[in-house]
Amino acid sequence: MDVNEIDNLHQAKLSTSNKIKKDNGFRRILDQRLSEINAATAQTPTESKADVLERSDKILNLLDDYARGLTDPGKTLKDIEPLVEGIKKEVRLIEAGAVDSLHNDKDLERFIKDLAVIANVAVFKFHRGDYI
């Protein structure tokens, strides 16, 4: 193998890598696509008030089922645990979705915050062991 050929190969690679860096075509296309995706997701509504009310109704029903489960002597805490996990999951979802969609409705926002506090206290008491 000729040493000069290796040097020529190295020079050819350097010139093509410099050409790619100067062009920035890929970077420009990537930035354009990312801005299109961000614009599309920004225009998508998170949750409507009807969705928030439906989710809050679901949380209230889960809390009712939870209260009935605690008073039922035939149910163990292990039987009730899926309800508690469901409450926790629904509260996380409603808090995440309601932040963006309810910024103008202070009464509904206050209701969601109160509901989240009540549900989180119930979950906390369950995990703390208040019902053992």
N, C-alpha and C. Protein backbone atom coordinates (compact mmCIF):
# COMPACT_ATOMS: atom_id res chain seq x y z
N MET A 1 0.84 -1.17 0.00
CA MET A 1 0.00 0.00 0.00
C MET A 1 0.89 1.23 0.00
N ASP A 2 0.48 2.20 -0.77
CA ASP A 2 1.24 3.43 -0.92
C ASP A 2 0.85 4.42 0.18
N VAL A 3 1.82 4.98 0.85
CA VAL A 3 1.59 5.94 1.92
C VAL A 3 0.92 7.20 1.39
N ASN A 4 1.24 7.60 0.19
CA ASN A 4 0.63 8.80 -0.39
C ASN A 4 -0.87 8.62 -0.61
N GLU A 5 -1.30 7.40 -0.93
CA GLU A 5 -2.73 7.14 -1.12
C GLU A 5 -3.49 7.31 0.18
N ILE A 6 -2.89 6.88 1.28
CA ILE A 6 -3.53 7.04 2.59
C ILE A 6 -3.70 8.52 2.90
N ASP A 7 -2.67 9.31 2.61
CA ASP A 7 -2.74 10.75 2.86
C ASP A 7 -3.82 11.40 1.98
N ASN A 8 -3.92 10.97 0.73
CA ASN A 8 -4.94 11.51 -0.16
C ASN A 8 -6.35 11.15 0.32
N LEU A 9 -6.50 9.93 0.80
CA LEU A 9 -7.80 9.52 1.34
C LEU A 9 -8.19 10.37 2.54
N HIS A 10 -7.24 10.64 3.41
CA HIS A 10 -7.49 11.46 4.60
C HIS A 10 -7.88 12.88 4.19
N GLN A 11 -7.21 13.44 3.19
CA GLN A 11 -7.53 14.79 2.71
C GLN A 11 -8.92 14.84 2.09
N ALA A 12 -9.30 13.79 1.39
CA ALA A 12 -10.63 13.73 0.77
C ALA A 12 -11.72 13.70 1.84
N LYS A 13 -11.49 12.94 2.90
CA LYS A 13 -12.46 12.89 4.00
C LYS A 13 -12.59 14.23 4.68
N LEU A 14 -11.49 14.92 4.87
CA LEU A 14 -11.53 16.23 5.51
C LEU A 14 -12.31 17.24 4.67
N SER A 15 -12.11 17.22 3.37
CA SER A 15 -12.80 18.19 2.52
C SER A 15 -14.30 17.92 2.50
N THR A 16 -14.73 16.65 2.52
CA THR A 16 -16.17 16.37 2.53
C THR A 16 -16.79 16.70 3.88
N SER A 17 -16.06 16.50 4.97
CA SER A 17 -16.63 16.83 6.28
C SER A 17 -16.76 18.34 6.43
N ASN A 18 -15.83 19.12 5.87
CA ASN A 18 -15.95 20.57 5.91
C ASN A 18 -17.15 21.03 5.09
N LYS A 19 -17.39 20.37 3.98
CA LYS A 19 -18.50 20.72 3.12
C LYS A 19 -19.83 20.50 3.84
N ILE A 20 -19.94 19.42 4.59
CA ILE A 20 -21.16 19.12 5.33
C ILE A 20 -21.38 20.14 6.43
N LYS A 21 -20.35 20.54 7.12
CA LYS A 21 -20.49 21.51 8.20
C LYS A 21 -20.93 22.86 7.67
N LYS A 22 -20.47 23.25 6.52
CA LYS A 22 -20.81 24.55 5.98
C LYS A 22 -22.24 24.59 5.45
N ASP A 23 -22.75 23.48 4.96
CA ASP A 23 -24.06 23.44 4.33
C ASP A 23 -25.19 23.59 5.35
N ASN A 24 -25.12 22.88 6.48
CA ASN A 24 -26.14 22.90 7.53
C ASN A 24 -27.54 22.58 7.02
N GLY A 25 -27.65 21.86 5.93
CA GLY A 25 -28.95 21.51 5.37
C GLY A 25 -29.76 20.63 6.30
N PHE A 26 -29.11 19.65 6.89
CA PHE A 26 -29.81 18.76 7.80
C PHE A 26 -30.31 19.52 9.01
N ARG A 27 -29.49 20.38 9.56
CA ARG A 27 -29.86 21.15 10.74
C ARG A 27 -31.06 22.06 10.44
N ARG A 28 -31.04 22.66 9.26
CA ARG A 28 -32.12 23.56 8.87
C ARG A 28 -33.43 22.79 8.74
N ILE A 29 -33.39 21.62 8.10
CA ILE A 29 -34.58 20.79 7.92
C ILE A 29 -35.09 20.29 9.28
N LEU A 30 -34.17 19.87 10.14
CA LEU A 30 -34.56 19.39 11.46
C LEU A 30 -35.23 20.50 12.26
N ASP A 31 -34.67 21.68 12.27
CA ASP A 31 -35.27 22.81 12.99
C ASP A 31 -36.65 23.15 12.44
N GLN A 32 -36.79 23.09 11.13
CA GLN A 32 -38.08 23.38 10.51
C GLN A 32 -39.13 22.36 10.94
N ARG A 33 -38.76 21.09 10.92
CA ARG A 33 -39.71 20.03 11.31
C ARG A 33 -40.07 20.14 12.79
N LEU A 34 -39.09 20.44 13.64
CA LEU A 34 -39.37 20.59 15.06
C LEU A 34 -40.30 21.76 15.33
N SER A 35 -40.12 22.85 14.61
CA SER A 35 -41.02 24.00 14.80
C SER A 35 -42.43 23.67 14.32
N GLU A 36 -42.56 22.88 13.26
CA GLU A 36 -43.89 22.46 12.79
C GLU A 36 -44.56 21.57 13.82
N ILE A 37 -43.80 20.66 14.42
CA ILE A 37 -44.36 19.77 15.43
C ILE A 37 -44.78 20.56 16.66
N ASN A 38 -43.93 21.49 17.10
CA ASN A 38 -44.26 22.29 18.27
C ASN A 38 -45.50 23.15 18.02
N ALA A 39 -45.64 23.69 16.83
CA ALA A 39 -46.81 24.50 16.51
C ALA A 39 -48.07 23.65 16.50
N ALA A 40 -47.97 22.43 16.00
CA ALA A 40 -49.14 21.55 15.96
C ALA A 40 -49.57 21.13 17.36
N THR A 41 -48.63 20.85 18.24
CA THR A 41 -49.00 20.44 19.60
C THR A 41 -49.49 21.62 20.41
N ALA A 42 -49.02 22.82 20.12
CA ALA A 42 -49.49 23.99 20.85
C ALA A 42 -50.93 24.31 20.49
N GLN A 43 -51.37 24.00 19.29
CA GLN A 43 -52.72 24.30 18.87
C GLN A 43 -53.73 23.25 19.34
N THR A 44 -53.27 22.10 19.79
CA THR A 44 -54.15 21.04 20.24
C THR A 44 -54.66 21.38 21.63
N PRO A 45 -55.99 21.42 21.83
CA PRO A 45 -56.51 21.74 23.16
C PRO A 45 -56.22 20.59 24.12
N THR A 46 -55.87 20.95 25.35
CA THR A 46 -55.53 19.92 26.33
C THR A 46 -56.79 19.22 26.82
N GLU A 47 -57.64 19.91 27.52
CA GLU A 47 -58.88 19.34 28.00
C GLU A 47 -59.93 20.45 28.03
N SER A 48 -61.12 20.12 27.65
CA SER A 48 -62.20 21.09 27.74
C SER A 48 -62.78 21.05 29.14
N LYS A 49 -63.62 22.00 29.45
CA LYS A 49 -64.26 22.03 30.77
C LYS A 49 -65.13 20.79 30.98
N ALA A 50 -65.77 20.34 29.92
CA ALA A 50 -66.61 19.13 30.03
C ALA A 50 -65.75 17.92 30.40
N ASP A 51 -64.56 17.83 29.82
CA ASP A 51 -63.66 16.71 30.15
C ASP A 51 -63.20 16.80 31.61
N VAL A 52 -62.92 18.01 32.05
CA VAL A 52 -62.48 18.20 33.44
C VAL A 52 -63.61 17.83 34.40
N LEU A 53 -64.83 18.26 34.08
CA LEU A 53 -65.97 17.92 34.93
C LEU A 53 -66.24 16.42 34.95
N GLU A 54 -66.09 15.79 33.79
CA GLU A 54 -66.29 14.33 33.72
C GLU A 54 -65.24 13.61 34.56
N ARG A 55 -64.01 14.06 34.47
CA ARG A 55 -62.93 13.44 35.25
C ARG A 55 -63.13 13.68 36.75
N SER A 56 -63.61 14.88 37.11
CA SER A 56 -63.85 15.16 38.53
C SER A 56 -65.01 14.32 39.05
N ASP A 57 -66.02 14.08 38.22
CA ASP A 57 -67.12 13.20 38.61
C ASP A 57 -66.61 11.78 38.84
N LYS A 58 -65.68 11.36 38.00
CA LYS A 58 -65.09 10.03 38.16
C LYS A 58 -64.33 9.93 39.49
N ILE A 59 -63.61 11.00 39.85
CA ILE A 59 -62.88 11.00 41.12
C ILE A 59 -63.86 10.94 42.29
N LEU A 60 -64.94 11.71 42.20
CA LEU A 60 -65.94 11.69 43.27
C LEU A 60 -66.56 10.30 43.41
N ASN A 61 -66.84 9.65 42.29
CA ASN A 61 -67.38 8.28 42.35
C ASN A 61 -66.38 7.31 42.95
N LEU A 62 -65.10 7.48 42.60
CA LEU A 62 -64.07 6.62 43.19
C LEU A 62 -63.97 6.85 44.70
N LEU A 63 -64.09 8.10 45.13
CA LEU A 63 -64.05 8.40 46.56
C LEU A 63 -65.26 7.80 47.28
N ASP A 64 -66.43 7.81 46.63
CA ASP A 64 -67.61 7.16 47.22
C ASP A 64 -67.40 5.66 47.35
N ASP A 65 -66.86 5.04 46.30
CA ASP A 65 -66.58 3.60 46.35
C ASP A 65 -65.55 3.29 47.44
N TYR A 66 -64.58 4.16 47.57
CA TYR A 66 -63.54 4.01 48.60
C TYR A 66 -64.16 4.08 49.99
N ALA A 67 -65.05 5.05 50.21
CA ALA A 67 -65.70 5.18 51.52
C ALA A 67 -66.57 3.95 51.82
N ARG A 68 -67.29 3.47 50.82
CA ARG A 68 -68.10 2.25 51.00
C ARG A 68 -67.21 1.04 51.30
N GLY A 69 -66.07 0.99 50.63
CA GLY A 69 -65.15 -0.12 50.86
C GLY A 69 -64.57 -0.12 52.27
N LEU A 70 -64.33 1.08 52.79
CA LEU A 70 -63.79 1.16 54.15
C LEU A 70 -64.82 0.73 55.20
N THR A 71 -66.09 0.97 54.93
CA THR A 71 -67.12 0.59 55.91
C THR A 71 -67.58 -0.85 55.75
N ASP A 72 -67.21 -1.50 54.66
CA ASP A 72 -67.61 -2.89 54.43
C ASP A 72 -66.67 -3.82 55.21
N PRO A 73 -67.21 -4.54 56.20
CA PRO A 73 -66.34 -5.42 56.99
C PRO A 73 -65.80 -6.61 56.20
N GLY A 74 -66.42 -6.89 55.07
CA GLY A 74 -65.97 -8.03 54.26
C GLY A 74 -64.78 -7.70 53.37
N LYS A 75 -64.44 -6.44 53.26
CA LYS A 75 -63.32 -6.05 52.40
C LYS A 75 -62.08 -5.76 53.23
N THR A 76 -60.96 -6.22 52.69
CA THR A 76 -59.68 -5.92 53.33
C THR A 76 -59.05 -4.70 52.68
N LEU A 77 -58.02 -4.19 53.31
CA LEU A 77 -57.32 -3.04 52.72
C LEU A 77 -56.67 -3.41 51.40
N LYS A 78 -56.31 -4.66 51.27
CA LYS A 78 -55.74 -5.13 50.00
C LYS A 78 -56.79 -5.08 48.89
N ASP A 79 -58.05 -5.32 49.23
CA ASP A 79 -59.13 -5.22 48.25
C ASP A 79 -59.38 -3.77 47.84
N ILE A 80 -59.14 -2.85 48.74
CA ILE A 80 -59.43 -1.44 48.51
C ILE A 80 -58.26 -0.73 47.80
N GLU A 81 -57.09 -1.30 47.87
CA GLU A 81 -55.90 -0.63 47.31
C GLU A 81 -56.04 -0.24 45.83
N PRO A 82 -56.63 -1.07 44.95
CA PRO A 82 -56.80 -0.62 43.56
C PRO A 82 -57.62 0.66 43.43
N LEU A 83 -58.61 0.84 44.30
CA LEU A 83 -59.38 2.08 44.30
C LEU A 83 -58.50 3.28 44.64
N VAL A 84 -57.65 3.10 45.62
CA VAL A 84 -56.75 4.17 46.04
C VAL A 84 -55.79 4.53 44.92
N GLU A 85 -55.26 3.54 44.25
CA GLU A 85 -54.35 3.79 43.13
C GLU A 85 -55.08 4.47 41.98
N GLY A 86 -56.34 4.09 41.75
CA GLY A 86 -57.14 4.74 40.72
C GLY A 86 -57.40 6.20 41.06
N ILE A 87 -57.68 6.48 42.32
CA ILE A 87 -57.89 7.86 42.76
C ILE A 87 -56.63 8.67 42.52
N LYS A 88 -55.49 8.11 42.92
CA LYS A 88 -54.22 8.82 42.77
C LYS A 88 -53.94 9.12 41.29
N LYS A 89 -54.18 8.15 40.43
CA LYS A 89 -53.95 8.33 39.00
C LYS A 89 -54.87 9.40 38.41
N GLU A 90 -56.14 9.35 38.76
CA GLU A 90 -57.10 10.32 38.23
C GLU A 90 -56.79 11.74 38.71
N VAL A 91 -56.36 11.87 39.94
CA VAL A 91 -56.01 13.20 40.46
C VAL A 91 -54.82 13.76 39.70
N ARG A 92 -53.82 12.93 39.44
CA ARG A 92 -52.66 13.40 38.66
C ARG A 92 -53.09 13.86 37.28
N LEU A 93 -53.97 13.10 36.66
CA LEU A 93 -54.43 13.45 35.31
C LEU A 93 -55.24 14.74 35.31
N ILE A 94 -56.11 14.91 36.28
CA ILE A 94 -56.94 16.11 36.29
C ILE A 94 -56.12 17.34 36.62
N GLU A 95 -55.14 17.19 37.49
CA GLU A 95 -54.29 18.34 37.82
C GLU A 95 -53.45 18.75 36.61
N ALA A 96 -52.95 17.78 35.88
CA ALA A 96 -52.13 18.09 34.71
C ALA A 96 -52.96 18.71 33.60
N GLY A 97 -54.16 18.22 33.38
CA GLY A 97 -54.98 18.72 32.29
C GLY A 97 -55.70 20.00 32.60
N ALA A 98 -56.06 20.21 33.86
CA ALA A 98 -56.85 21.37 34.23
C ALA A 98 -56.03 22.65 34.28
N VAL A 99 -54.75 22.55 34.47
CA VAL A 99 -53.91 23.73 34.58
C VAL A 99 -54.01 24.61 33.34
N ASP A 100 -53.96 24.01 32.17
CA ASP A 100 -53.98 24.78 30.93
C ASP A 100 -55.38 25.19 30.50
N SER A 101 -56.37 24.34 30.77
CA SER A 101 -57.70 24.61 30.21
C SER A 101 -58.58 25.47 31.10
N LEU A 102 -58.23 25.66 32.35
CA LEU A 102 -59.12 26.38 33.27
C LEU A 102 -58.56 27.70 33.76
N HIS A 103 -57.65 28.28 33.05
CA HIS A 103 -57.00 29.50 33.55
C HIS A 103 -57.95 30.68 33.65
N ASN A 104 -59.13 30.63 33.04
CA ASN A 104 -60.08 31.74 33.12
C ASN A 104 -61.23 31.48 34.07
N ASP A 105 -61.47 30.25 34.44
CA ASP A 105 -62.60 29.90 35.30
C ASP A 105 -62.09 29.65 36.72
N LYS A 106 -62.10 30.69 37.53
CA LYS A 106 -61.54 30.60 38.89
C LYS A 106 -62.35 29.67 39.79
N ASP A 107 -63.68 29.65 39.64
CA ASP A 107 -64.50 28.79 40.48
C ASP A 107 -64.23 27.31 40.21
N LEU A 108 -64.17 26.96 38.94
CA LEU A 108 -63.88 25.57 38.59
C LEU A 108 -62.45 25.19 38.97
N GLU A 109 -61.55 26.11 38.83
CA GLU A 109 -60.16 25.87 39.22
C GLU A 109 -60.07 25.62 40.73
N ARG A 110 -60.78 26.40 41.52
CA ARG A 110 -60.79 26.22 42.97
C ARG A 110 -61.42 24.87 43.33
N PHE A 111 -62.51 24.50 42.62
CA PHE A 111 -63.15 23.20 42.85
C PHE A 111 -62.17 22.06 42.59
N ILE A 112 -61.43 22.14 41.49
CA ILE A 112 -60.46 21.09 41.14
C ILE A 112 -59.36 21.01 42.20
N LYS A 113 -58.89 22.16 42.66
CA LYS A 113 -57.85 22.15 43.71
C LYS A 113 -58.38 21.53 45.00
N ASP A 114 -59.62 21.88 45.39
CA ASP A 114 -60.21 21.31 46.60
C ASP A 114 -60.40 19.80 46.46
N LEU A 115 -60.88 19.39 45.30
CA LEU A 115 -61.08 17.96 45.05
C LEU A 115 -59.75 17.22 45.11
N ALA A 116 -58.72 17.81 44.53
CA ALA A 116 -57.40 17.17 44.56
C ALA A 116 -56.87 17.06 45.99
N VAL A 117 -57.10 18.09 46.80
CA VAL A 117 -56.64 18.04 48.19
C VAL A 117 -57.37 16.94 48.95
N ILE A 118 -58.68 16.87 48.79
CA ILE A 118 -59.47 15.84 49.48
C ILE A 118 -59.02 14.44 49.06
N ALA A 119 -58.86 14.25 47.76
CA ALA A 119 -58.44 12.93 47.26
C ALA A 119 -57.03 12.59 47.72
N ASN A 120 -56.13 13.55 47.68
CA ASN A 120 -54.75 13.28 48.11
C ASN A 120 -54.68 12.99 49.61
N VAL A 121 -55.51 13.65 50.42
CA VAL A 121 -55.54 13.36 51.85
C VAL A 121 -56.04 11.93 52.09
N ALA A 122 -57.07 11.52 51.34
CA ALA A 122 -57.58 10.15 51.47
C ALA A 122 -56.51 9.13 51.11
N VAL A 123 -55.79 9.40 50.03
CA VAL A 123 -54.72 8.49 49.60
C VAL A 123 -53.60 8.46 50.65
N PHE A 124 -53.24 9.64 51.17
CA PHE A 124 -52.18 9.72 52.17
C PHE A 124 -52.57 8.95 53.43
N LYS A 125 -53.80 9.12 53.89
CA LYS A 125 -54.25 8.42 55.09
C LYS A 125 -54.23 6.91 54.88
N PHE A 126 -54.61 6.48 53.69
CA PHE A 126 -54.60 5.05 53.40
C PHE A 126 -53.18 4.50 53.48
N HIS A 127 -52.24 5.19 52.84
CA HIS A 127 -50.86 4.72 52.83
C HIS A 127 -50.18 4.88 54.19
N ARG A 128 -50.63 5.84 54.97
CA ARG A 128 -50.05 6.05 56.29
C ARG A 128 -50.50 4.94 57.25
N GLY A 129 -51.64 4.33 56.97
CA GLY A 129 -52.11 3.23 57.79
C GLY A 129 -53.17 3.64 58.79
N ASP A 130 -53.90 4.70 58.51
CA ASP A 130 -54.93 5.15 59.45
C ASP A 130 -56.06 4.15 59.62
N TYR A 131 -56.26 3.25 58.67
CA TYR A 131 -57.41 2.35 58.70
C TYR A 131 -57.03 0.92 59.05
N ILE A 132 -55.86 0.74 59.66
CA ILE A 132 -55.44 -0.61 60.06
C ILE A 132 -56.11 -0.96 61.37
